[in-house]
Amino acid sequence: MGVNDYILARIKELKTAVAEHVIQASARKRSWRVGVLQSLIDGGLALIEARKVMYADQMAEGRSIQRGAGAGAGACPTIR
């Protein structure tokens, strides 16, 4: 094997090593981005759930129907 063949083989080996490192770095970066997006989605879903509970409590407090004291069966309900 001549010097040229050795150099060409070494260049090919280095290109392969560099490509492997680039692919690994890209995969790590993609995984990190997916993790960040997943945490944003989870936070948004938690916020939606918290608001749903908060608004349900507010609606329950604001819309109670009670009959007046001493009113008979035909009395109109009072909406508060």
Protein backbone atom coordinates (compact mmCIF):
# COMPACT_ATOMS: atom_id res chain seq x y z
CA MET A 1 0.00 0.00 0.00
CA GLY A 2 1.45 3.34 -1.05
CA VAL A 3 1.55 6.59 0.84
CA ASN A 4 -1.35 7.92 -1.20
CA ASP A 5 -3.53 4.91 -0.35
CA TYR A 6 -2.71 5.31 3.34
CA ILE A 7 -3.63 9.00 3.25
CA LEU A 8 -6.90 8.33 1.41
CA ALA A 9 -7.82 5.57 3.89
CA ARG A 10 -7.05 7.88 6.82
CA ILE A 11 -9.15 10.69 5.30
CA LYS A 12 -12.06 8.30 4.85
CA GLU A 13 -11.67 7.12 8.47
CA LEU A 14 -11.66 10.71 9.76
CA LYS A 15 -14.70 11.64 7.66
CA THR A 16 -16.58 8.68 9.13
CA ALA A 17 -15.58 9.66 12.70
CA VAL A 18 -16.63 13.28 12.15
CA ALA A 19 -19.96 12.20 10.65
CA GLU A 20 -20.65 9.94 13.65
CA HIS A 21 -19.95 12.80 16.07
CA VAL A 22 -22.17 15.18 14.09
CA ILE A 23 -25.02 12.65 14.14
CA GLN A 24 -24.62 12.05 17.89
CA ALA A 25 -24.58 15.80 18.60
CA SER A 26 -27.65 16.30 16.45
CA ALA A 27 -29.50 13.51 18.26
CA ARG A 28 -28.61 14.98 21.66
CA LYS A 29 -29.76 18.43 20.58
CA ARG A 30 -33.04 17.04 19.21
CA SER A 31 -33.67 15.10 22.42
CA TRP A 32 -33.03 18.24 24.46
CA ARG A 33 -35.48 20.23 22.32
CA VAL A 34 -38.12 17.53 22.65
CA GLY A 35 -37.66 17.60 26.44
CA VAL A 36 -38.08 21.38 26.52
CA LEU A 37 -41.20 21.24 24.34
CA GLN A 38 -42.66 18.42 26.43
CA SER A 39 -42.18 20.43 29.62
CA LEU A 40 -43.89 23.42 27.99
CA ILE A 41 -46.82 21.25 26.94
CA ASP A 42 -47.06 19.67 30.41
CA GLY A 43 -47.01 23.12 32.01
CA GLY A 44 -49.72 24.37 29.66
CA LEU A 45 -51.91 21.35 30.37
CA ALA A 46 -51.43 21.84 34.12
CA LEU A 47 -52.40 25.50 33.74
CA ILE A 48 -55.52 24.55 31.78
CA GLU A 49 -56.50 22.08 34.50
CA ALA A 50 -55.89 24.64 37.27
CA ARG A 51 -57.97 27.26 35.46
CA LYS A 52 -60.74 24.75 34.86
CA VAL A 53 -60.92 24.03 38.59
CA MET A 54 -60.68 27.73 39.48
CA TYR A 55 -63.44 28.75 37.07
CA ALA A 56 -65.62 25.83 38.11
CA ASP A 57 -65.33 26.99 41.73
CA GLN A 58 -66.13 30.57 40.73
CA MET A 59 -69.13 29.50 38.68
CA ALA A 60 -70.42 27.32 41.51
CA GLU A 61 -70.14 30.24 43.94
CA GLY A 62 -71.69 32.78 41.59
CA ARG A 63 -74.69 30.74 40.42
CA SER A 64 -76.47 29.27 43.38
CA ILE A 65 -80.25 28.85 43.28
CA GLN A 66 -82.03 29.07 46.61
CA ARG A 67 -85.65 29.33 47.54
CA GLY A 68 -86.67 32.02 49.96
CA ALA A 69 -87.29 31.05 53.59
CA GLY A 70 -90.87 30.05 54.25
CA ALA A 71 -91.72 29.97 50.56
CA GLY A 72 -94.09 27.28 49.45
CA ALA A 73 -93.79 24.89 46.56
CA GLY A 74 -94.94 27.54 44.07
CA ALA A 75 -92.41 30.21 45.09
CA CYS A 76 -89.93 31.48 42.50
CA PRO A 77 -86.32 30.62 43.09
CA THR A 78 -83.77 33.35 43.73
CA ILE A 79 -80.67 33.22 41.52
CA ARG A 80 -77.58 34.69 43.09
